[in-house]
Amino acid sequence: MFSLRATQIEQGTNKINSFYLRDFQRLHAHLFQDIYSFAGHFRDVQLMKGSTRFCQYQFINSYASELFLQKNNEPTWSSINQAANRLA
């Protein structure tokens, strides 16, 4: 289902009109609703994939808030590639 939902976003059938923290949470919920019970919410468990540790759950809210504050203070990105590079 993730691939289908990602394709919907890519093709514009499920539009993302803005990119604030709440919009990101909605995107996360849409993409991962069948995978994670916390999809669209700040998780309260620690995650790893192989030897890669993801952000510690205690810091997600503050880190995400700071990241989106910085993003919203940047000039508008001129292309999807520029946005993807900045958000990676």
PDB file of N, CA and C in Angstrom:
ATOM      1  N   MET A   1       0.810  -1.199   0.000  1.00  0.00           N
ATOM      2  CA  MET A   1       0.000   0.000   0.000  1.00  0.00           C
ATOM      3  C   MET A   1       0.859   1.272   0.000  1.00  0.00           C
ATOM      4  N   PHE A   2       2.042   1.210   0.615  1.00  0.00           N
ATOM      5  CA  PHE A   2       2.921   2.383   0.630  1.00  0.00           C
ATOM      6  C   PHE A   2       3.203   2.853  -0.790  1.00  0.00           C
ATOM      7  N   SER A   3       3.552   1.926  -1.678  1.00  0.00           N
ATOM      8  CA  SER A   3       3.894   2.293  -3.058  1.00  0.00           C
ATOM      9  C   SER A   3       2.715   2.957  -3.760  1.00  0.00           C
ATOM     10  N   LEU A   4       1.522   2.430  -3.554  1.00  0.00           N
ATOM     11  CA  LEU A   4       0.322   3.016  -4.155  1.00  0.00           C
ATOM     12  C   LEU A   4       0.109   4.440  -3.644  1.00  0.00           C
ATOM     13  N   ARG A   5       0.250   4.623  -2.345  1.00  0.00           N
ATOM     14  CA  ARG A   5       0.044   5.954  -1.770  1.00  0.00           C
ATOM     15  C   ARG A   5       1.131   6.929  -2.217  1.00  0.00           C
ATOM     16  N   ALA A   6       2.361   6.456  -2.321  1.00  0.00           N
ATOM     17  CA  ALA A   6       3.452   7.312  -2.803  1.00  0.00           C
ATOM     18  C   ALA A   6       3.199   7.720  -4.252  1.00  0.00           C
ATOM     19  N   THR A   7       2.692   6.799  -5.059  1.00  0.00           N
ATOM     20  CA  THR A   7       2.366   7.100  -6.453  1.00  0.00           C
ATOM     21  C   THR A   7       1.249   8.135  -6.531  1.00  0.00           C
ATOM     22  N   GLN A   8       0.256   8.035  -5.652  1.00  0.00           N
ATOM     23  CA  GLN A   8      -0.824   9.024  -5.620  1.00  0.00           C
ATOM     24  C   GLN A   8      -0.267  10.425  -5.389  1.00  0.00           C
ATOM     25  N   ILE A   9       0.680  10.529  -4.489  1.00  0.00           N
ATOM     26  CA  ILE A   9       1.286  11.833  -4.199  1.00  0.00           C
ATOM     27  C   ILE A   9       2.101  12.304  -5.390  1.00  0.00           C
ATOM     28  N   GLU A  10       2.894  11.399  -5.952  1.00  0.00           N
ATOM     29  CA  GLU A  10       3.741  11.750  -7.097  1.00  0.00           C
ATOM     30  C   GLU A  10       2.905  12.213  -8.285  1.00  0.00           C
ATOM     31  N   GLN A  11       1.764  11.563  -8.522  1.00  0.00           N
ATOM     32  CA  GLN A  11       0.920  11.894  -9.667  1.00  0.00           C
ATOM     33  C   GLN A  11      -0.047  13.044  -9.377  1.00  0.00           C
ATOM     34  N   GLY A  12      -0.083  13.496  -8.137  1.00  0.00           N
ATOM     35  CA  GLY A  12      -0.923  14.633  -7.796  1.00  0.00           C
ATOM     36  C   GLY A  12      -2.353  14.296  -7.443  1.00  0.00           C
ATOM     37  N   THR A  13      -2.701  13.006  -7.325  1.00  0.00           N
ATOM     38  CA  THR A  13      -4.068  12.657  -6.941  1.00  0.00           C
ATOM     39  C   THR A  13      -4.287  12.821  -5.440  1.00  0.00           C
ATOM     40  N   ASN A  14      -3.223  12.874  -4.685  1.00  0.00           N
ATOM     41  CA  ASN A  14      -3.280  13.214  -3.262  1.00  0.00           C
ATOM     42  C   ASN A  14      -2.301  14.360  -3.073  1.00  0.00           C
ATOM     43  N   LYS A  15      -2.814  15.583  -3.143  1.00  0.00           N
ATOM     44  CA  LYS A  15      -1.949  16.770  -3.187  1.00  0.00           C
ATOM     45  C   LYS A  15      -1.443  17.187  -1.814  1.00  0.00           C
ATOM     46  N   ILE A  16      -0.243  17.720  -1.841  1.00  0.00           N
ATOM     47  CA  ILE A  16       0.347  18.367  -0.679  1.00  0.00           C
ATOM     48  C   ILE A  16       0.423  19.847  -1.039  1.00  0.00           C
ATOM     49  N   ASN A  17      -0.418  20.654  -0.407  1.00  0.00           N
ATOM     50  CA  ASN A  17      -0.514  22.066  -0.777  1.00  0.00           C
ATOM     51  C   ASN A  17       0.437  22.964  -0.005  1.00  0.00           C
ATOM     52  N   SER A  18       0.863  22.527   1.149  1.00  0.00           N
ATOM     53  CA  SER A  18       1.819  23.301   1.944  1.00  0.00           C
ATOM     54  C   SER A  18       2.684  22.309   2.705  1.00  0.00           C
ATOM     55  N   PHE A  19       3.735  22.804   3.311  1.00  0.00           N
ATOM     56  CA  PHE A  19       4.640  21.882   3.976  1.00  0.00           C
ATOM     57  C   PHE A  19       5.034  22.416   5.342  1.00  0.00           C
ATOM     58  N   TYR A  20       4.055  22.484   6.207  1.00  0.00           N
ATOM     59  CA  TYR A  20       4.287  22.805   7.604  1.00  0.00           C
ATOM     60  C   TYR A  20       4.323  21.491   8.375  1.00  0.00           C
ATOM     61  N   LEU A  21       4.650  21.546   9.647  1.00  0.00           N
ATOM     62  CA  LEU A  21       4.781  20.328  10.442  1.00  0.00           C
ATOM     63  C   LEU A  21       3.513  19.489  10.392  1.00  0.00           C
ATOM     64  N   ARG A  22       2.365  20.114  10.527  1.00  0.00           N
ATOM     65  CA  ARG A  22       1.096  19.356  10.501  1.00  0.00           C
ATOM     66  C   ARG A  22       0.893  18.688   9.136  1.00  0.00           C
ATOM     67  N   ASP A  23       1.277  19.356   8.063  1.00  0.00           N
ATOM     68  CA  ASP A  23       1.169  18.761   6.726  1.00  0.00           C
ATOM     69  C   ASP A  23       2.080  17.544   6.615  1.00  0.00           C
ATOM     70  N   PHE A  24       3.278  17.645   7.175  1.00  0.00           N
ATOM     71  CA  PHE A  24       4.205  16.517   7.171  1.00  0.00           C
ATOM     72  C   PHE A  24       3.620  15.341   7.948  1.00  0.00           C
ATOM     73  N   GLN A  25       2.960  15.623   9.063  1.00  0.00           N
ATOM     74  CA  GLN A  25       2.334  14.555   9.834  1.00  0.00           C
ATOM     75  C   GLN A  25       1.199  13.901   9.038  1.00  0.00           C
ATOM     76  N   ARG A  26       0.443  14.690   8.306  1.00  0.00           N
ATOM     77  CA  ARG A  26      -0.618  14.121   7.453  1.00  0.00           C
ATOM     78  C   ARG A  26      -0.017  13.247   6.351  1.00  0.00           C
ATOM     79  N   LEU A  27       1.083  13.713   5.759  1.00  0.00           N
ATOM     80  CA  LEU A  27       1.786  12.929   4.740  1.00  0.00           C
ATOM     81  C   LEU A  27       2.266  11.613   5.334  1.00  0.00           C
ATOM     82  N   HIS A  28       2.867  11.663   6.498  1.00  0.00           N
ATOM     83  CA  HIS A  28       3.353  10.461   7.180  1.00  0.00           C
ATOM     84  C   HIS A  28       2.194   9.501   7.456  1.00  0.00           C
ATOM     85  N   ALA A  29       1.070  10.031   7.923  1.00  0.00           N
ATOM     86  CA  ALA A  29      -0.104   9.194   8.191  1.00  0.00           C
ATOM     87  C   ALA A  29      -0.595   8.527   6.913  1.00  0.00           C
ATOM     88  N   HIS A  30      -0.647   9.282   5.832  1.00  0.00           N
ATOM     89  CA  HIS A  30      -1.118   8.739   4.558  1.00  0.00           C
ATOM     90  C   HIS A  30      -0.208   7.615   4.066  1.00  0.00           C
ATOM     91  N   LEU A  31       1.092   7.845   4.104  1.00  0.00           N
ATOM     92  CA  LEU A  31       2.042   6.863   3.571  1.00  0.00           C
ATOM     93  C   LEU A  31       2.182   5.623   4.441  1.00  0.00           C
ATOM     94  N   PHE A  32       2.187   5.790   5.747  1.00  0.00           N
ATOM     95  CA  PHE A  32       2.567   4.700   6.648  1.00  0.00           C
ATOM     96  C   PHE A  32       1.431   4.145   7.496  1.00  0.00           C
ATOM     97  N   GLN A  33       0.184   4.478   7.178  1.00  0.00           N
ATOM     98  CA  GLN A  33      -0.938   4.061   8.012  1.00  0.00           C
ATOM     99  C   GLN A  33      -1.071   2.553   8.170  1.00  0.00           C
ATOM    100  N   ASP A  34      -0.611   1.780   7.207  1.00  0.00           N
ATOM    101  CA  ASP A  34      -0.701   0.321   7.304  1.00  0.00           C
ATOM    102  C   ASP A  34       0.541  -0.302   7.925  1.00  0.00           C
ATOM    103  N   ILE A  35       1.551   0.518   8.199  1.00  0.00           N
ATOM    104  CA  ILE A  35       2.832  -0.003   8.672  1.00  0.00           C
ATOM    105  C   ILE A  35       3.055   0.300  10.147  1.00  0.00           C
ATOM    106  N   TYR A  36       2.808   1.546  10.546  1.00  0.00           N
ATOM    107  CA  TYR A  36       3.082   1.969  11.920  1.00  0.00           C
ATOM    108  C   TYR A  36       1.801   2.428  12.605  1.00  0.00           C
ATOM    109  N   SER A  37       1.588   1.972  13.821  1.00  0.00           N
ATOM    110  CA  SER A  37       0.413   2.414  14.581  1.00  0.00           C
ATOM    111  C   SER A  37       0.491   3.902  14.911  1.00  0.00           C
ATOM    112  N   PHE A  38       1.689   4.451  14.928  1.00  0.00           N
ATOM    113  CA  PHE A  38       1.873   5.868  15.253  1.00  0.00           C
ATOM    114  C   PHE A  38       1.935   6.753  14.010  1.00  0.00           C
ATOM    115  N   ALA A  39       1.606   6.227  12.850  1.00  0.00           N
ATOM    116  CA  ALA A  39       1.682   7.015  11.611  1.00  0.00           C
ATOM    117  C   ALA A  39       0.923   8.330  11.773  1.00  0.00           C
ATOM    118  N   GLY A  40       1.618   9.424  11.472  1.00  0.00           N
ATOM    119  CA  GLY A  40       1.015  10.745  11.569  1.00  0.00           C
ATOM    120  C   GLY A  40       1.134  11.395  12.931  1.00  0.00           C
ATOM    121  N   HIS A  41       1.708  10.677  13.871  1.00  0.00           N
ATOM    122  CA  HIS A  41       1.894  11.193  15.231  1.00  0.00           C
ATOM    123  C   HIS A  41       3.365  11.058  15.609  1.00  0.00           C
ATOM    124  N   PHE A  42       3.777  11.805  16.624  1.00  0.00           N
ATOM    125  CA  PHE A  42       5.130  11.621  17.129  1.00  0.00           C
ATOM    126  C   PHE A  42       5.190  10.268  17.828  1.00  0.00           C
ATOM    127  N   ARG A  43       6.148   9.465  17.450  1.00  0.00           N
ATOM    128  CA  ARG A  43       6.249   8.128  18.039  1.00  0.00           C
ATOM    129  C   ARG A  43       6.815   8.199  19.445  1.00  0.00           C
ATOM    130  N   ASP A  44       6.556   7.127  20.195  1.00  0.00           N
ATOM    131  CA  ASP A  44       7.084   7.040  21.560  1.00  0.00           C
ATOM    132  C   ASP A  44       7.888   5.759  21.751  1.00  0.00           C
ATOM    133  N   VAL A  45       8.472   5.298  20.654  1.00  0.00           N
ATOM    134  CA  VAL A  45       9.347   4.121  20.672  1.00  0.00           C
ATOM    135  C   VAL A  45      10.616   4.458  19.901  1.00  0.00           C
ATOM    136  N   GLN A  46      11.695   3.761  20.243  1.00  0.00           N
ATOM    137  CA  GLN A  46      12.962   3.949  19.551  1.00  0.00           C
ATOM    138  C   GLN A  46      12.980   3.054  18.315  1.00  0.00           C
ATOM    139  N   LEU A  47      13.484   3.545  17.178  1.00  0.00           N
ATOM    140  CA  LEU A  47      13.547   2.766  15.944  1.00  0.00           C
ATOM    141  C   LEU A  47      14.977   2.677  15.437  1.00  0.00           C
ATOM    142  N   MET A  48      15.280   1.527  14.839  1.00  0.00           N
ATOM    143  CA  MET A  48      16.562   1.309  14.169  1.00  0.00           C
ATOM    144  C   MET A  48      16.290   0.527  12.894  1.00  0.00           C
ATOM    145  N   LYS A  49      17.139   0.722  11.898  1.00  0.00           N
ATOM    146  CA  LYS A  49      17.105  -0.089  10.686  1.00  0.00           C
ATOM    147  C   LYS A  49      18.544  -0.493  10.436  1.00  0.00           C
ATOM    148  N   GLY A  50      18.832  -1.769  10.647  1.00  0.00           N
ATOM    149  CA  GLY A  50      20.212  -2.217  10.579  1.00  0.00           C
ATOM    150  C   GLY A  50      20.996  -1.550  11.688  1.00  0.00           C
ATOM    151  N   SER A  51      22.077  -0.909  11.342  1.00  0.00           N
ATOM    152  CA  SER A  51      22.880  -0.208  12.350  1.00  0.00           C
ATOM    153  C   SER A  51      22.547   1.285  12.415  1.00  0.00           C
ATOM    154  N   THR A  52      21.534   1.714  11.667  1.00  0.00           N
ATOM    155  CA  THR A  52      21.141   3.126  11.649  1.00  0.00           C
ATOM    156  C   THR A  52      20.076   3.383  12.708  1.00  0.00           C
ATOM    157  N   ARG A  53      20.373   4.298  13.596  1.00  0.00           N
ATOM    158  CA  ARG A  53      19.396   4.715  14.603  1.00  0.00           C
ATOM    159  C   ARG A  53      18.693   5.968  14.114  1.00  0.00           C
ATOM    160  N   PHE A  54      17.389   5.983  14.272  1.00  0.00           N
ATOM    161  CA  PHE A  54      16.621   7.168  13.928  1.00  0.00           C
ATOM    162  C   PHE A  54      16.603   8.112  15.129  1.00  0.00           C
ATOM    163  N   CYS A  55      16.135   9.302  14.923  1.00  0.00           N
ATOM    164  CA  CYS A  55      16.064  10.297  15.994  1.00  0.00           C
ATOM    165  C   CYS A  55      15.414   9.682  17.238  1.00  0.00           C
ATOM    166  N   GLN A  56      16.001   9.931  18.390  1.00  0.00           N
ATOM    167  CA  GLN A  56      15.407   9.437  19.626  1.00  0.00           C
ATOM    168  C   GLN A  56      14.040  10.079  19.805  1.00  0.00           C
ATOM    169  N   TYR A  57      13.075   9.246  20.160  1.00  0.00           N
ATOM    170  CA  TYR A  57      11.691   9.709  20.184  1.00  0.00           C
ATOM    171  C   TYR A  57      11.478  10.908  21.104  1.00  0.00           C
ATOM    172  N   GLN A  58      12.273  11.035  22.154  1.00  0.00           N
ATOM    173  CA  GLN A  58      12.102  12.143  23.085  1.00  0.00           C
ATOM    174  C   GLN A  58      12.370  13.497  22.429  1.00  0.00           C
ATOM    175  N   PHE A  59      13.132  13.506  21.337  1.00  0.00           N
ATOM    176  CA  PHE A  59      13.551  14.758  20.718  1.00  0.00           C
ATOM    177  C   PHE A  59      12.825  15.077  19.412  1.00  0.00           C
ATOM    178  N   ILE A  60      11.973  14.192  18.950  1.00  0.00           N
ATOM    179  CA  ILE A  60      11.335  14.381  17.642  1.00  0.00           C
ATOM    180  C   ILE A  60      10.546  15.687  17.587  1.00  0.00           C
ATOM    181  N   ASN A  61       9.718  15.943  18.574  1.00  0.00           N
ATOM    182  CA  ASN A  61       8.879  17.143  18.547  1.00  0.00           C
ATOM    183  C   ASN A  61       9.728  18.404  18.474  1.00  0.00           C
ATOM    184  N   SER A  62      10.734  18.526  19.338  1.00  0.00           N
ATOM    185  CA  SER A  62      11.546  19.750  19.336  1.00  0.00           C
ATOM    186  C   SER A  62      12.392  19.861  18.075  1.00  0.00           C
ATOM    187  N   TYR A  63      12.974  18.761  17.607  1.00  0.00           N
ATOM    188  CA  TYR A  63      13.777  18.801  16.377  1.00  0.00           C
ATOM    189  C   TYR A  63      12.908  19.144  15.171  1.00  0.00           C
ATOM    190  N   ALA A  64      11.749  18.497  15.082  1.00  0.00           N
ATOM    191  CA  ALA A  64      10.857  18.751  13.947  1.00  0.00           C
ATOM    192  C   ALA A  64      10.360  20.196  13.965  1.00  0.00           C
ATOM    193  N   SER A  65      10.003  20.688  15.129  1.00  0.00           N
ATOM    194  CA  SER A  65       9.534  22.074  15.232  1.00  0.00           C
ATOM    195  C   SER A  65      10.611  23.045  14.774  1.00  0.00           C
ATOM    196  N   GLU A  66      11.851  22.820  15.198  1.00  0.00           N
ATOM    197  CA  GLU A  66      12.965  23.687  14.797  1.00  0.00           C
ATOM    198  C   GLU A  66      13.233  23.579  13.296  1.00  0.00           C
ATOM    199  N   LEU A  67      13.206  22.366  12.759  1.00  0.00           N
ATOM    200  CA  LEU A  67      13.443  22.153  11.330  1.00  0.00           C
ATOM    201  C   LEU A  67      12.406  22.881  10.485  1.00  0.00           C
ATOM    202  N   PHE A  68      11.134  22.773  10.850  1.00  0.00           N
ATOM    203  CA  PHE A  68      10.085  23.423  10.070  1.00  0.00           C
ATOM    204  C   PHE A  68      10.112  24.935  10.250  1.00  0.00           C
ATOM    205  N   LEU A  69      10.534  25.414  11.399  1.00  0.00           N
ATOM    206  CA  LEU A  69      10.711  26.847  11.593  1.00  0.00           C
ATOM    207  C   LEU A  69      11.801  27.362  10.663  1.00  0.00           C
ATOM    208  N   GLN A  70      12.923  26.646  10.583  1.00  0.00           N
ATOM    209  CA  GLN A  70      14.001  27.026   9.669  1.00  0.00           C
ATOM    210  C   GLN A  70      13.523  26.981   8.220  1.00  0.00           C
ATOM    211  N   LYS A  71      12.823  25.911   7.867  1.00  0.00           N
ATOM    212  CA  LYS A  71      12.333  25.746   6.497  1.00  0.00           C
ATOM    213  C   LYS A  71      11.401  26.882   6.109  1.00  0.00           C
ATOM    214  N   ASN A  72      10.537  27.277   7.020  1.00  0.00           N
ATOM    215  CA  ASN A  72       9.570  28.334   6.714  1.00  0.00           C
ATOM    216  C   ASN A  72      10.215  29.708   6.622  1.00  0.00           C
ATOM    217  N   ASN A  73      11.423  29.853   7.121  1.00  0.00           N
ATOM    218  CA  ASN A  73      12.149  31.116   7.018  1.00  0.00           C
ATOM    219  C   ASN A  73      13.046  31.177   5.785  1.00  0.00           C
ATOM    220  N   GLU A  74      13.119  30.085   5.034  1.00  0.00           N
ATOM    221  CA  GLU A  74      13.935  30.051   3.814  1.00  0.00           C
ATOM    222  C   GLU A  74      13.139  30.610   2.640  1.00  0.00           C
ATOM    223  N   PRO A  75      13.845  31.054   1.601  1.00  0.00           N
ATOM    224  CA  PRO A  75      13.129  31.478   0.392  1.00  0.00           C
ATOM    225  C   PRO A  75      12.419  30.282  -0.249  1.00  0.00           C
ATOM    226  N   THR A  76      11.436  30.569  -1.054  1.00  0.00           N
ATOM    227  CA  THR A  76      10.702  29.511  -1.749  1.00  0.00           C
ATOM    228  C   THR A  76      11.637  28.756  -2.679  1.00  0.00           C
ATOM    229  N   TRP A  77      11.533  27.428  -2.658  1.00  0.00           N
ATOM    230  CA  TRP A  77      12.367  26.603  -3.527  1.00  0.00           C
ATOM    231  C   TRP A  77      11.828  26.669  -4.947  1.00  0.00           C
ATOM    232  N   SER A  78      12.728  26.713  -5.905  1.00  0.00           N
ATOM    233  CA  SER A  78      12.320  26.896  -7.299  1.00  0.00           C
ATOM    234  C   SER A  78      11.955  25.594  -7.994  1.00  0.00           C
ATOM    235  N   SER A  79      12.299  24.458  -7.398  1.00  0.00           N
ATOM    236  CA  SER A  79      11.987  23.186  -8.056  1.00  0.00           C
ATOM    237  C   SER A  79      11.810  22.091  -7.018  1.00  0.00           C
ATOM    238  N   ILE A  80      11.191  21.007  -7.437  1.00  0.00           N
ATOM    239  CA  ILE A  80      11.019  19.849  -6.569  1.00  0.00           C
ATOM    240  C   ILE A  80      12.373  19.249  -6.203  1.00  0.00           C
ATOM    241  N   ASN A  81      13.336  19.309  -7.135  1.00  0.00           N
ATOM    242  CA  ASN A  81      14.672  18.782  -6.846  1.00  0.00           C
ATOM    243  C   ASN A  81      15.366  19.604  -5.771  1.00  0.00           C
ATOM    244  N   GLN A  82      15.220  20.914  -5.839  1.00  0.00           N
ATOM    245  CA  GLN A  82      15.815  21.772  -4.820  1.00  0.00           C
ATOM    246  C   GLN A  82      15.181  21.479  -3.458  1.00  0.00           C
ATOM    247  N   ALA A  83      13.882  21.303  -3.420  1.00  0.00           N
ATOM    248  CA  ALA A  83      13.194  20.970  -2.175  1.00  0.00           C
ATOM    249  C   ALA A  83      13.655  19.618  -1.647  1.00  0.00           C
ATOM    250  N   ALA A  84      13.743  18.631  -2.520  1.00  0.00           N
ATOM    251  CA  ALA A  84      14.173  17.290  -2.100  1.00  0.00           C
ATOM    252  C   ALA A  84      15.589  17.313  -1.551  1.00  0.00           C
ATOM    253  N   ASN A  85      16.476  18.044  -2.199  1.00  0.00           N
ATOM    254  CA  ASN A  85      17.855  18.134  -1.716  1.00  0.00           C
ATOM    255  C   ASN A  85      17.918  18.797  -0.350  1.00  0.00           C
ATOM    256  N   ARG A  86      17.126  19.835  -0.144  1.00  0.00           N
ATOM    257  CA  ARG A  86      17.146  20.540   1.138  1.00  0.00           C
ATOM    258  C   ARG A  86      16.550  19.692   2.249  1.00  0.00           C
ATOM    259  N   LEU A  87      15.514  18.938   1.945  1.00  0.00           N
ATOM    260  CA  LEU A  87      14.821  18.159   2.967  1.00  0.00           C
ATOM    261  C   LEU A  87      15.473  16.812   3.241  1.00  0.00           C
ATOM    262  N   ALA A  88      16.407  16.405   2.398  1.00  0.00           N
ATOM    263  CA  ALA A  88      17.050  15.087   2.574  1.00  0.00           C
ATOM    264  C   ALA A  88      17.912  15.052   3.814  1.00  0.00           C
TER     265      ALA A  88
END
